[in-house]
Amino acid sequence: LVHLHLPKEAAFLFYTLKSLHIPVVSTFEGDPFLEARFDVTFDKGIIIKVGSNLMAMADAVTACSSWLAGRLGRVWNINVYAVPNPIDVERFLGIKEWCGSEKIVVALARLVPIKGIDVLVKAARRVSSECRDVRFIVAGEGPSKQELMGLINKYGLREVFSLVGFISSPENLLSKSYMVVMPSLYEPFGMPAAEAGAALRPVVASNTGGLAEIVIDGYNGFLARPGDPVDLADKIIWLLENEDVSKEMGRRGRVRVLENYTPVLVAKKYLEIYQRALNNSR
């Protein structure tokens, strides 16, 4: 059995594997139709043709969230299993609850339009005018960096809003953070939101895609309207002003991760799917 991720890059392998009668499990980490709207290099016609063939040939298809599984299942009229991405919880268990005077709002994201960091910059303008001792740190690289720097300068936020580039391990930054924000316009899963929960941090995330499965509104964070800097600012300000509730949300976030996203739990789900795929291929 062979398990292929991101099948748009591995499509050619399907034909070889199936000609050898080797069972194939295919995992989708995103919606190719939605992503085609944000990436002009995607050809929708090719996506439909290739995607249909891949779905038909796979012995089992999985997606990284129930939202994505539902979308792909409806498009191709097949059963898609929802299996979340695993979180290496052990990396974050040493992180303690926030304490201190400075409140750092962290975002971990590529600097591309779909991640909505421009929305966060606009929200930060209002947040910084209403709340003292708050800073924003965005870790990530991407083609939108210069545009975002221009927006930060335009709003006079250079002292409170930093773009620190790519970091390979987020633990240190999360340990200093007060909360994590994910203002994405589209997100099939939302790994930083789950990692934030493991690190005892509440999350303010856009109400889109798989994020709404990781962040339960009012429980371990808040969901904001995608692309709405006013709503995003409101949710951030509320958490900044309510420290006790913020910490409780962080604790709930860790429990949620431990109950749903550990490597052992995810591996068990995949083992069940592998067995089904082997049975289907006989």
Protein backbone atom coordinates (compact mmCIF):
# COMPACT_ATOMS: atom_id res chain seq x y z
CA LEU A 1 0.00 0.00 0.00
CA VAL A 2 1.20 3.52 -0.83
CA HIS A 3 -0.10 6.66 0.86
CA LEU A 4 0.23 9.78 -1.32
CA HIS A 5 -0.10 13.33 -0.05
CA LEU A 6 -0.71 16.38 -2.23
CA PRO A 7 -1.71 14.25 -5.23
CA LYS A 8 -1.45 17.13 -7.68
CA GLU A 9 2.33 16.75 -7.42
CA ALA A 10 2.21 12.96 -7.33
CA ALA A 11 -0.47 12.30 -9.94
CA PHE A 12 1.88 10.44 -12.27
CA LEU A 13 2.56 7.88 -9.52
CA PHE A 14 -1.09 6.83 -9.46
CA TYR A 15 -0.94 5.33 -12.92
CA THR A 16 2.23 3.39 -12.16
CA LEU A 17 0.97 2.12 -8.82
CA LYS A 18 -2.42 1.07 -10.15
CA SER A 19 -0.82 -0.71 -13.12
CA LEU A 20 1.13 -2.73 -10.54
CA HIS A 21 -2.10 -3.39 -8.58
CA ILE A 22 -0.75 -1.60 -5.51
CA PRO A 23 -3.45 -0.11 -3.22
CA VAL A 24 -3.34 3.69 -2.96
CA VAL A 25 -4.59 6.03 -0.24
CA SER A 26 -4.70 9.68 -1.30
CA THR A 27 -4.72 12.59 1.13
CA PHE A 28 -5.83 16.09 0.17
CA GLU A 29 -4.44 18.97 2.26
CA GLY A 30 -6.45 21.62 0.43
CA ASP A 31 -9.35 22.32 -1.91
CA PRO A 32 -7.91 22.58 -5.44
CA PHE A 33 -10.98 24.48 -6.65
CA LEU A 34 -10.71 27.20 -4.02
CA GLU A 35 -6.95 27.35 -4.37
CA ALA A 36 -7.32 27.87 -8.12
CA ARG A 37 -9.07 31.16 -7.33
CA PHE A 38 -5.99 32.40 -5.49
CA ASP A 39 -3.34 30.94 -7.82
CA VAL A 40 -3.45 31.79 -11.53
CA THR A 41 -1.09 28.90 -12.29
CA PHE A 42 -3.93 26.47 -11.52
CA ASP A 43 -5.98 25.38 -14.55
CA LYS A 44 -9.50 24.52 -13.38
CA GLY A 45 -10.16 22.22 -16.34
CA ILE A 46 -7.06 20.19 -15.61
CA ILE A 47 -7.94 20.09 -11.91
CA ILE A 48 -11.36 18.60 -12.67
CA LYS A 49 -10.00 16.02 -15.11
CA VAL A 50 -6.98 14.94 -13.08
CA GLY A 51 -8.83 15.12 -9.78
CA SER A 52 -11.65 12.94 -11.07
CA ASN A 53 -9.17 10.33 -12.28
CA LEU A 54 -7.24 10.33 -9.02
CA MET A 55 -10.39 10.01 -6.96
CA ALA A 56 -11.64 7.14 -9.10
CA MET A 57 -8.37 5.22 -8.89
CA ALA A 58 -7.71 5.68 -5.17
CA ASP A 59 -8.72 2.86 -2.86
CA ALA A 60 -9.40 5.45 -0.14
CA VAL A 61 -9.36 9.25 -0.05
CA THR A 62 -8.77 11.35 3.05
CA ALA A 63 -8.83 15.07 3.82
CA CYS A 64 -7.34 17.03 6.72
CA SER A 65 -10.69 18.30 8.06
CA SER A 66 -14.37 17.41 8.00
CA TRP A 67 -15.04 20.64 6.11
CA LEU A 68 -12.62 19.68 3.33
CA ALA A 69 -13.84 16.08 3.25
CA GLY A 70 -17.38 17.32 2.78
CA ARG A 71 -16.44 19.69 -0.04
CA LEU A 72 -14.39 17.14 -1.95
CA GLY A 73 -17.01 14.45 -1.42
CA ARG A 74 -19.73 16.65 -2.88
CA VAL A 75 -17.64 17.69 -5.89
CA TRP A 76 -16.60 14.16 -6.84
CA ASN A 77 -19.54 12.28 -5.34
CA ILE A 78 -17.40 9.90 -3.32
CA ASN A 79 -16.77 9.12 0.34
CA VAL A 80 -13.84 11.10 1.75
CA TYR A 81 -12.55 10.28 5.23
CA ALA A 82 -11.72 13.20 7.52
CA VAL A 83 -8.39 12.70 9.31
CA PRO A 84 -6.81 15.77 10.95
CA ASN A 85 -3.13 16.57 10.81
CA PRO A 86 -1.32 15.35 13.94
CA ILE A 87 0.15 17.78 16.46
CA ASP A 88 3.43 16.89 18.15
CA VAL A 89 2.01 17.80 21.54
CA GLU A 90 5.18 16.88 23.44
CA ARG A 91 6.93 19.91 21.94
CA PHE A 92 4.47 22.25 23.65
CA LEU A 93 3.74 20.63 27.02
CA GLY A 94 6.59 22.53 28.70
CA ILE A 95 4.99 25.88 27.86
CA LYS A 96 3.30 27.56 30.81
CA GLU A 97 0.36 29.94 30.91
CA TRP A 98 1.02 33.55 29.99
CA CYS A 99 2.18 35.86 32.75
CA GLY A 100 3.74 39.28 32.62
CA SER A 101 2.92 42.82 31.58
CA GLU A 102 3.47 42.77 27.82
CA LYS A 103 0.84 41.02 25.73
CA ILE A 104 2.13 39.64 22.45
CA VAL A 105 -0.32 38.69 19.72
CA VAL A 106 1.30 36.11 17.44
CA ALA A 107 0.49 34.95 13.92
CA LEU A 108 2.33 32.09 12.21
CA ALA A 109 1.70 32.35 8.48
CA ARG A 110 3.15 32.63 5.01
CA LEU A 111 3.04 36.21 3.78
CA VAL A 112 0.56 35.70 0.96
CA PRO A 113 -2.86 37.36 0.49
CA ILE A 114 -4.84 34.24 1.37
CA LYS A 115 -3.46 34.29 4.94
CA GLY A 116 -5.10 37.66 5.67
CA ILE A 117 -2.15 39.30 7.42
CA ASP A 118 -3.20 42.62 5.89
CA VAL A 119 -6.48 42.21 7.78
CA LEU A 120 -4.50 41.71 10.98
CA VAL A 121 -2.46 44.88 10.34
CA LYS A 122 -5.68 46.87 9.93
CA ALA A 123 -7.10 45.31 13.10
CA ALA A 124 -3.87 46.08 14.98
CA ARG A 125 -4.31 49.76 14.24
CA ARG A 126 -7.47 49.84 16.33
CA VAL A 127 -6.25 47.38 18.96
CA SER A 128 -3.09 49.39 19.66
CA SER A 129 -5.12 52.58 20.03
CA GLU A 130 -7.36 51.01 22.69
CA CYS A 131 -5.01 48.65 24.54
CA ARG A 132 -1.67 49.38 26.17
CA ASP A 133 1.37 47.11 26.27
CA VAL A 134 0.34 45.02 23.27
CA ARG A 135 2.62 43.96 20.42
CA PHE A 136 2.03 41.99 17.24
CA ILE A 137 4.56 39.51 15.86
CA VAL A 138 4.09 37.67 12.57
CA ALA A 139 6.46 34.80 11.79
CA GLY A 140 6.67 33.81 8.15
CA GLU A 141 8.03 34.73 4.74
CA GLY A 142 6.37 35.37 1.41
CA PRO A 143 5.88 37.67 -1.57
CA SER A 144 3.54 40.03 0.32
CA LYS A 145 6.23 41.15 2.78
CA GLN A 146 6.98 44.53 1.19
CA GLU A 147 3.30 45.31 0.74
CA LEU A 148 2.66 44.49 4.40
CA MET A 149 5.61 46.61 5.52
CA GLY A 150 4.11 49.50 3.57
CA LEU A 151 0.78 49.01 5.35
CA ILE A 152 2.50 48.85 8.74
CA ASN A 153 4.32 52.10 8.01
CA LYS A 154 1.17 53.73 6.65
CA TYR A 155 -0.68 53.10 9.91
CA GLY A 156 2.27 54.10 12.10
CA LEU A 157 2.61 50.63 13.62
CA ARG A 158 6.37 50.05 13.28
CA GLU A 159 6.86 50.14 17.05
CA VAL A 160 4.18 47.53 17.76
CA PHE A 161 3.97 45.32 14.66
CA SER A 162 6.92 43.14 13.60
CA LEU A 163 7.49 40.74 10.71
CA VAL A 164 10.24 38.44 12.00
CA GLY A 165 10.58 36.04 9.08
CA PHE A 166 10.40 32.26 9.02
CA ILE A 167 10.98 30.30 12.22
CA SER A 168 11.49 26.53 12.14
CA SER A 169 10.24 25.91 15.68
CA PRO A 170 7.38 28.02 17.05
CA GLU A 171 7.67 26.89 20.68
CA ASN A 172 9.80 29.80 21.89
CA LEU A 173 7.58 32.42 20.27
CA LEU A 174 4.40 30.77 21.52
CA SER A 175 5.79 30.63 25.06
CA LYS A 176 6.08 34.45 25.00
CA SER A 177 2.69 35.01 23.40
CA TYR A 178 -0.59 36.04 24.96
CA MET A 179 -2.75 34.72 22.13
CA VAL A 180 -2.52 33.45 18.56
CA VAL A 181 -4.42 34.93 15.63
CA MET A 182 -5.23 33.24 12.30
CA PRO A 183 -6.96 35.77 10.01
CA SER A 184 -6.90 33.49 6.94
CA LEU A 185 -9.41 33.94 4.14
CA TYR A 186 -9.24 30.19 3.49
CA GLU A 187 -7.76 27.43 5.62
CA PRO A 188 -8.36 23.69 5.08
CA PHE A 189 -6.98 22.80 8.53
CA GLY A 190 -5.04 25.43 10.49
CA MET A 191 -1.97 23.88 12.12
CA PRO A 192 -0.95 27.06 14.05
CA ALA A 193 -4.37 27.15 15.72
CA ALA A 194 -3.93 23.60 16.98
CA GLU A 195 -0.34 24.27 18.06
CA ALA A 196 -1.56 27.33 19.96
CA GLY A 197 -4.00 25.14 21.85
CA ALA A 198 -1.22 22.71 22.73
CA ALA A 199 0.72 25.72 24.04
CA LEU A 200 -2.15 26.87 26.30
CA ARG A 201 -2.95 29.91 24.17
CA PRO A 202 -6.42 31.09 23.10
CA VAL A 203 -6.96 31.64 19.39
CA VAL A 204 -8.82 34.24 17.37
CA ALA A 205 -9.36 32.72 13.93
CA SER A 206 -11.39 33.38 10.83
CA ASN A 207 -14.61 31.44 10.63
CA THR A 208 -13.55 29.52 7.56
CA GLY A 209 -12.75 25.96 6.56
CA GLY A 210 -11.11 23.67 9.09
CA LEU A 211 -10.41 26.48 11.56
CA ALA A 212 -13.99 26.28 12.80
CA GLU A 213 -13.32 22.67 13.83
CA ILE A 214 -10.22 23.52 15.85
CA VAL A 215 -11.51 26.74 17.43
CA ILE A 216 -14.90 26.46 19.10
CA ASP A 217 -16.27 29.99 19.31
CA GLY A 218 -16.38 31.17 22.92
CA TYR A 219 -14.78 27.96 24.22
CA ASN A 220 -11.08 27.91 23.34
CA GLY A 221 -11.07 31.17 21.42
CA PHE A 222 -13.19 33.22 19.06
CA LEU A 223 -14.15 33.03 15.40
CA ALA A 224 -14.18 36.25 13.41
CA ARG A 225 -15.68 37.07 10.05
CA PRO A 226 -13.07 36.45 7.32
CA GLY A 227 -11.64 39.66 5.92
CA ASP A 228 -13.26 41.86 8.58
CA PRO A 229 -10.63 43.84 10.55
CA VAL A 230 -13.25 45.41 12.83
CA ASP A 231 -14.63 42.07 13.98
CA LEU A 232 -11.10 40.69 14.31
CA ALA A 233 -10.07 43.68 16.44
CA ASP A 234 -13.15 43.30 18.66
CA LYS A 235 -12.29 39.67 19.44
CA ILE A 236 -8.62 40.46 20.11
CA ILE A 237 -9.49 43.38 22.39
CA TRP A 238 -11.94 41.25 24.36
CA LEU A 239 -9.30 38.63 25.10
CA LEU A 240 -6.73 41.28 26.00
CA GLU A 241 -9.16 42.80 28.51
CA ASN A 242 -10.25 39.48 30.05
CA GLU A 243 -7.10 37.73 31.22
CA ASP A 244 -8.73 35.06 33.39
CA VAL A 245 -11.09 33.92 30.64
CA SER A 246 -8.24 34.04 28.14
CA LYS A 247 -6.19 31.66 30.28
CA GLU A 248 -9.15 29.33 30.74
CA MET A 249 -9.67 29.24 26.98
CA GLY A 250 -6.00 28.32 26.60
CA ARG A 251 -6.41 25.42 29.03
CA ARG A 252 -9.46 24.21 27.13
CA GLY A 253 -7.46 24.44 23.91
CA ARG A 254 -4.81 22.05 25.23
CA VAL A 255 -7.44 19.54 26.32
CA ARG A 256 -9.05 19.75 22.90
CA VAL A 257 -5.74 19.04 21.18
CA LEU A 258 -4.99 16.11 23.49
CA GLU A 259 -8.42 14.64 22.78
CA ASN A 260 -8.36 15.05 19.00
CA TYR A 261 -4.97 15.72 17.41
CA THR A 262 -2.22 13.60 18.97
CA PRO A 263 -0.09 11.44 16.63
CA VAL A 264 -1.40 8.25 18.25
CA LEU A 265 -5.05 9.18 17.66
CA VAL A 266 -4.37 10.19 14.06
CA ALA A 267 -2.32 7.04 13.40
CA LYS A 268 -5.18 4.85 14.63
CA LYS A 269 -7.54 6.51 12.15
CA TYR A 270 -5.11 5.96 9.31
CA LEU A 271 -4.58 2.31 10.23
CA GLU A 272 -8.33 1.74 9.97
CA ILE A 273 -8.38 3.42 6.56
CA TYR A 274 -5.36 1.41 5.36
CA GLN A 275 -7.18 -1.79 6.27
CA ARG A 276 -10.27 -0.66 4.35
CA ALA A 277 -8.12 0.21 1.34
CA LEU A 278 -6.45 -3.20 1.39
CA ASN A 279 -9.84 -4.89 1.61
CA ASN A 280 -11.24 -2.76 -1.24
CA SER A 281 -8.32 -3.60 -3.53
CA ARG A 282 -8.77 -7.36 -3.29
